[in-house]
Amino acid sequence: FGVELVSCDPGAWAAAGPEGPSDGQARDGNGFIWRRDRVRLLAPGVRSFWLSDTPDRPWAGLAGAWGGSRYQRTCAFATFQVLATGSHVTVFCAHFDHAGSDSLQ
């Protein structure tokens, strides 16, 4: 397995994450990076929901955290238009627990 480093124009890329708190558990770093010449982010932009029975808010307390993790999780999503075809694609991004008992099975 090899990695090839390629120089690129930073202006050719765009990035965005969900609006909201800039720190803490409500903003766990989910977001997107894309090439401006291939896709366009459509309104309303990047959004997120909680991975809980109440997607508009976290579980009450830590009972909803997975497998003993101290963190509850969110999922960011956005719809992009593929410039070459005009088609739309919705992309989801989540950071799942990696250390709790559920995730180790």
N, C-alpha and C. Protein backbone atom coordinates (compact mmCIF):
# COMPACT_ATOMS: atom_id res chain seq x y z
N PHE A 1 0.85 -1.19 0.00
CA PHE A 1 0.00 0.00 0.00
C PHE A 1 0.89 1.23 0.00
N GLY A 2 0.70 2.10 -0.94
CA GLY A 2 1.49 3.32 -1.01
C GLY A 2 0.62 4.54 -1.08
N VAL A 3 1.18 5.64 -0.67
CA VAL A 3 0.45 6.91 -0.70
C VAL A 3 1.24 7.87 -1.58
N GLU A 4 0.56 8.50 -2.49
CA GLU A 4 1.18 9.49 -3.36
C GLU A 4 0.68 10.87 -2.95
N LEU A 5 1.59 11.75 -2.62
CA LEU A 5 1.21 13.11 -2.27
C LEU A 5 1.13 13.94 -3.54
N VAL A 6 0.03 14.64 -3.70
CA VAL A 6 -0.21 15.44 -4.89
C VAL A 6 -0.48 16.87 -4.45
N SER A 7 0.19 17.81 -5.07
CA SER A 7 -0.08 19.20 -4.73
C SER A 7 -1.39 19.62 -5.38
N CYS A 8 -2.07 20.53 -4.76
CA CYS A 8 -3.35 20.98 -5.31
C CYS A 8 -3.57 22.45 -4.97
N ASP A 9 -4.51 23.01 -5.63
CA ASP A 9 -4.89 24.40 -5.39
C ASP A 9 -5.92 24.42 -4.26
N PRO A 10 -5.58 24.97 -3.10
CA PRO A 10 -6.55 25.00 -1.99
C PRO A 10 -7.85 25.70 -2.35
N GLY A 11 -7.81 26.64 -3.30
CA GLY A 11 -9.02 27.34 -3.71
C GLY A 11 -9.99 26.47 -4.50
N ALA A 12 -9.52 25.29 -4.94
CA ALA A 12 -10.38 24.37 -5.69
C ALA A 12 -11.29 23.57 -4.77
N TRP A 13 -11.06 23.69 -3.48
CA TRP A 13 -11.81 22.90 -2.50
C TRP A 13 -12.67 23.80 -1.62
N ALA A 14 -13.76 23.24 -1.12
CA ALA A 14 -14.63 23.94 -0.18
C ALA A 14 -14.89 23.00 0.99
N ALA A 15 -15.25 23.57 2.13
CA ALA A 15 -15.54 22.77 3.31
C ALA A 15 -16.67 23.41 4.10
N ALA A 16 -17.46 22.58 4.77
CA ALA A 16 -18.55 23.09 5.60
C ALA A 16 -18.94 22.02 6.61
N GLY A 17 -19.44 22.50 7.73
CA GLY A 17 -19.99 21.62 8.76
C GLY A 17 -21.32 22.17 9.20
N PRO A 18 -22.03 21.44 10.05
CA PRO A 18 -23.34 21.92 10.49
C PRO A 18 -23.22 23.19 11.33
N GLU A 19 -24.22 24.04 11.23
CA GLU A 19 -24.28 25.23 12.08
C GLU A 19 -24.56 24.79 13.51
N GLY A 20 -24.20 25.61 14.46
CA GLY A 20 -24.48 25.27 15.85
C GLY A 20 -23.28 25.48 16.73
N PRO A 21 -23.27 24.82 17.89
CA PRO A 21 -22.16 25.02 18.83
C PRO A 21 -20.82 24.71 18.18
N SER A 22 -19.81 25.48 18.53
CA SER A 22 -18.49 25.28 17.94
C SER A 22 -17.62 24.37 18.79
N ASP A 23 -18.12 23.95 19.92
CA ASP A 23 -17.33 23.06 20.76
C ASP A 23 -18.25 22.11 21.51
N GLY A 24 -17.65 21.16 22.18
CA GLY A 24 -18.43 20.23 22.98
C GLY A 24 -19.04 19.12 22.16
N GLN A 25 -19.85 18.34 22.82
CA GLN A 25 -20.41 17.13 22.22
C GLN A 25 -21.37 17.42 21.08
N ALA A 26 -22.02 18.56 21.08
CA ALA A 26 -22.99 18.87 20.02
C ALA A 26 -22.30 19.12 18.68
N ARG A 27 -21.00 19.25 18.69
CA ARG A 27 -20.24 19.49 17.44
C ARG A 27 -19.06 18.53 17.43
N ASP A 28 -19.29 17.32 16.99
CA ASP A 28 -18.23 16.32 17.10
C ASP A 28 -17.35 16.24 15.86
N GLY A 29 -17.34 17.26 15.05
CA GLY A 29 -16.39 17.34 13.95
C GLY A 29 -16.86 16.78 12.63
N ASN A 30 -18.11 16.39 12.51
CA ASN A 30 -18.62 15.88 11.25
C ASN A 30 -18.80 17.03 10.26
N GLY A 31 -18.39 16.80 9.05
CA GLY A 31 -18.54 17.81 8.01
C GLY A 31 -18.06 17.25 6.68
N PHE A 32 -17.91 18.11 5.69
CA PHE A 32 -17.57 17.67 4.35
C PHE A 32 -16.53 18.58 3.71
N ILE A 33 -15.73 17.98 2.84
CA ILE A 33 -14.79 18.70 1.98
C ILE A 33 -15.08 18.21 0.56
N TRP A 34 -15.17 19.15 -0.40
CA TRP A 34 -15.49 18.74 -1.77
C TRP A 34 -14.78 19.66 -2.77
N ARG A 35 -14.68 19.16 -4.00
CA ARG A 35 -14.08 19.94 -5.08
C ARG A 35 -15.15 20.82 -5.72
N ARG A 36 -14.88 22.09 -5.75
CA ARG A 36 -15.83 23.07 -6.30
C ARG A 36 -16.14 22.83 -7.77
N ASP A 37 -15.20 22.26 -8.51
CA ASP A 37 -15.43 22.06 -9.94
C ASP A 37 -16.22 20.78 -10.24
N ARG A 38 -16.55 20.01 -9.22
CA ARG A 38 -17.30 18.77 -9.44
C ARG A 38 -18.70 18.77 -8.83
N VAL A 39 -18.84 19.36 -7.65
CA VAL A 39 -20.15 19.37 -6.99
C VAL A 39 -20.40 20.73 -6.36
N ARG A 40 -21.69 21.01 -6.13
CA ARG A 40 -22.11 22.25 -5.49
C ARG A 40 -23.01 21.90 -4.32
N LEU A 41 -22.74 22.49 -3.16
CA LEU A 41 -23.57 22.29 -1.97
C LEU A 41 -24.90 23.01 -2.17
N LEU A 42 -26.00 22.29 -1.98
CA LEU A 42 -27.32 22.88 -2.16
C LEU A 42 -27.88 23.38 -0.83
N ALA A 43 -28.78 24.35 -0.89
CA ALA A 43 -29.44 24.88 0.30
C ALA A 43 -30.31 23.79 0.91
N PRO A 44 -30.44 23.70 2.20
CA PRO A 44 -30.00 24.66 3.21
C PRO A 44 -28.59 24.42 3.74
N GLY A 45 -27.76 23.69 3.06
CA GLY A 45 -26.39 23.48 3.52
C GLY A 45 -26.27 22.21 4.35
N VAL A 46 -25.23 22.19 5.18
CA VAL A 46 -24.97 21.02 6.02
C VAL A 46 -25.85 21.11 7.27
N ARG A 47 -26.55 20.01 7.53
CA ARG A 47 -27.41 19.92 8.72
C ARG A 47 -27.00 18.71 9.53
N SER A 48 -27.55 18.58 10.72
CA SER A 48 -27.22 17.41 11.53
C SER A 48 -28.42 16.98 12.37
N PHE A 49 -28.34 15.74 12.85
CA PHE A 49 -29.34 15.24 13.78
C PHE A 49 -28.64 14.34 14.78
N TRP A 50 -29.26 14.19 15.95
CA TRP A 50 -28.73 13.32 16.99
C TRP A 50 -29.10 11.87 16.68
N LEU A 51 -28.20 10.96 16.91
CA LEU A 51 -28.48 9.53 16.76
C LEU A 51 -29.12 9.05 18.06
N SER A 52 -30.41 9.35 18.18
CA SER A 52 -31.17 9.03 19.39
C SER A 52 -32.63 8.85 19.01
N ASP A 53 -33.44 8.48 19.96
CA ASP A 53 -34.88 8.38 19.73
C ASP A 53 -35.51 9.75 19.50
N THR A 54 -34.78 10.80 19.83
CA THR A 54 -35.23 12.17 19.65
C THR A 54 -34.19 12.90 18.79
N PRO A 55 -34.25 12.76 17.46
CA PRO A 55 -33.19 13.29 16.58
C PRO A 55 -32.97 14.79 16.67
N ASP A 56 -33.94 15.54 17.18
CA ASP A 56 -33.77 16.98 17.30
C ASP A 56 -33.03 17.39 18.56
N ARG A 57 -32.76 16.44 19.46
CA ARG A 57 -32.04 16.74 20.70
C ARG A 57 -31.40 15.45 21.23
N PRO A 58 -30.38 15.58 22.06
CA PRO A 58 -29.75 14.38 22.61
C PRO A 58 -30.65 13.69 23.62
N TRP A 59 -30.30 12.44 23.90
CA TRP A 59 -31.01 11.71 24.95
C TRP A 59 -30.84 12.47 26.27
N ALA A 60 -31.78 12.30 27.18
CA ALA A 60 -31.64 12.89 28.52
C ALA A 60 -30.59 12.08 29.28
N GLY A 61 -29.56 12.74 29.76
CA GLY A 61 -28.50 12.04 30.48
C GLY A 61 -27.64 11.23 29.53
N LEU A 62 -26.81 10.38 30.07
CA LEU A 62 -25.92 9.58 29.24
C LEU A 62 -26.48 8.21 28.94
N ALA A 63 -27.74 7.97 29.30
CA ALA A 63 -28.32 6.66 29.04
C ALA A 63 -28.32 6.32 27.56
N GLY A 64 -28.32 7.35 26.71
CA GLY A 64 -28.36 7.10 25.28
C GLY A 64 -27.00 6.93 24.63
N ALA A 65 -25.93 7.15 25.41
CA ALA A 65 -24.59 6.94 24.84
C ALA A 65 -24.41 5.45 24.58
N TRP A 66 -23.66 5.13 23.55
CA TRP A 66 -23.53 3.74 23.10
C TRP A 66 -22.44 2.99 23.83
N GLY A 67 -22.76 1.78 24.26
CA GLY A 67 -21.77 0.84 24.76
C GLY A 67 -20.85 1.34 25.84
N GLY A 68 -21.34 2.19 26.71
CA GLY A 68 -20.51 2.69 27.79
C GLY A 68 -19.71 3.92 27.45
N SER A 69 -19.82 4.40 26.21
CA SER A 69 -19.12 5.62 25.83
C SER A 69 -19.71 6.78 26.61
N ARG A 70 -18.91 7.76 26.89
CA ARG A 70 -19.44 8.94 27.58
C ARG A 70 -20.03 9.96 26.61
N TYR A 71 -19.98 9.67 25.30
CA TYR A 71 -20.46 10.61 24.30
C TYR A 71 -21.67 10.07 23.54
N GLN A 72 -22.60 10.96 23.28
CA GLN A 72 -23.70 10.67 22.37
C GLN A 72 -23.26 11.12 20.99
N ARG A 73 -23.91 10.66 19.96
CA ARG A 73 -23.42 10.88 18.60
C ARG A 73 -24.40 11.66 17.74
N THR A 74 -23.83 12.36 16.73
CA THR A 74 -24.63 13.07 15.75
C THR A 74 -24.26 12.59 14.35
N CYS A 75 -25.11 12.93 13.40
CA CYS A 75 -24.86 12.63 11.99
C CYS A 75 -25.07 13.91 11.20
N ALA A 76 -24.08 14.29 10.42
CA ALA A 76 -24.20 15.46 9.53
C ALA A 76 -24.63 14.96 8.15
N PHE A 77 -25.42 15.76 7.45
CA PHE A 77 -25.82 15.39 6.10
C PHE A 77 -26.00 16.63 5.24
N ALA A 78 -25.81 16.44 3.94
CA ALA A 78 -25.94 17.54 2.99
C ALA A 78 -26.27 16.97 1.62
N THR A 79 -26.92 17.79 0.80
CA THR A 79 -27.22 17.40 -0.57
C THR A 79 -26.37 18.24 -1.51
N PHE A 80 -25.72 17.54 -2.43
CA PHE A 80 -24.86 18.18 -3.42
C PHE A 80 -25.42 17.95 -4.81
N GLN A 81 -25.16 18.89 -5.71
CA GLN A 81 -25.48 18.71 -7.12
C GLN A 81 -24.19 18.36 -7.85
N VAL A 82 -24.23 17.27 -8.62
CA VAL A 82 -23.10 16.86 -9.45
C VAL A 82 -23.13 17.74 -10.69
N LEU A 83 -22.11 18.55 -10.87
CA LEU A 83 -22.13 19.54 -11.95
C LEU A 83 -22.12 18.91 -13.34
N ALA A 84 -21.48 17.78 -13.51
CA ALA A 84 -21.39 17.14 -14.83
C ALA A 84 -22.72 16.60 -15.31
N THR A 85 -23.60 16.20 -14.37
CA THR A 85 -24.85 15.55 -14.76
C THR A 85 -26.10 16.29 -14.30
N GLY A 86 -25.94 17.16 -13.31
CA GLY A 86 -27.10 17.84 -12.73
C GLY A 86 -27.81 17.01 -11.67
N SER A 87 -27.39 15.76 -11.49
CA SER A 87 -28.05 14.91 -10.49
C SER A 87 -27.69 15.36 -9.07
N HIS A 88 -28.51 14.93 -8.12
CA HIS A 88 -28.30 15.27 -6.72
C HIS A 88 -27.91 14.01 -5.95
N VAL A 89 -27.05 14.20 -4.96
CA VAL A 89 -26.65 13.11 -4.08
C VAL A 89 -26.65 13.65 -2.65
N THR A 90 -27.25 12.88 -1.74
CA THR A 90 -27.24 13.25 -0.33
C THR A 90 -26.22 12.37 0.38
N VAL A 91 -25.35 13.02 1.14
CA VAL A 91 -24.23 12.35 1.80
C VAL A 91 -24.40 12.49 3.32
N PHE A 92 -24.11 11.40 4.03
CA PHE A 92 -24.20 11.38 5.48
C PHE A 92 -22.82 11.14 6.07
N CYS A 93 -22.53 11.74 7.21
CA CYS A 93 -21.23 11.59 7.87
C CYS A 93 -21.47 11.47 9.37
N ALA A 94 -21.03 10.36 9.95
CA ALA A 94 -21.19 10.15 11.39
C ALA A 94 -19.89 9.63 11.98
N HIS A 95 -19.66 9.98 13.23
CA HIS A 95 -18.49 9.50 13.97
C HIS A 95 -19.02 8.55 15.03
N PHE A 96 -18.81 7.25 14.79
CA PHE A 96 -19.33 6.24 15.70
C PHE A 96 -18.31 5.90 16.78
N ASP A 97 -18.80 5.39 17.87
CA ASP A 97 -17.95 4.97 18.97
C ASP A 97 -17.02 3.85 18.53
N HIS A 98 -15.79 3.86 19.00
CA HIS A 98 -14.82 2.83 18.64
C HIS A 98 -14.29 2.05 19.85
N ALA A 99 -14.65 2.48 21.06
CA ALA A 99 -14.06 1.86 22.24
C ALA A 99 -15.07 1.20 23.17
N GLY A 100 -16.35 1.51 23.02
CA GLY A 100 -17.37 0.94 23.90
C GLY A 100 -17.60 -0.54 23.63
N SER A 101 -18.25 -1.20 24.57
CA SER A 101 -18.46 -2.66 24.47
C SER A 101 -19.26 -3.03 23.24
N ASP A 102 -20.26 -2.23 22.83
CA ASP A 102 -21.05 -2.54 21.64
C ASP A 102 -20.21 -2.52 20.37
N SER A 103 -19.30 -1.55 20.27
CA SER A 103 -18.54 -1.40 19.04
C SER A 103 -17.40 -2.42 18.92
N LEU A 104 -17.04 -3.07 20.00
CA LEU A 104 -15.96 -4.06 19.96
C LEU A 104 -16.43 -5.45 19.63
N GLN A 105 -17.74 -5.61 19.45
CA GLN A 105 -18.28 -6.94 19.12
C GLN A 105 -18.32 -7.17 17.62
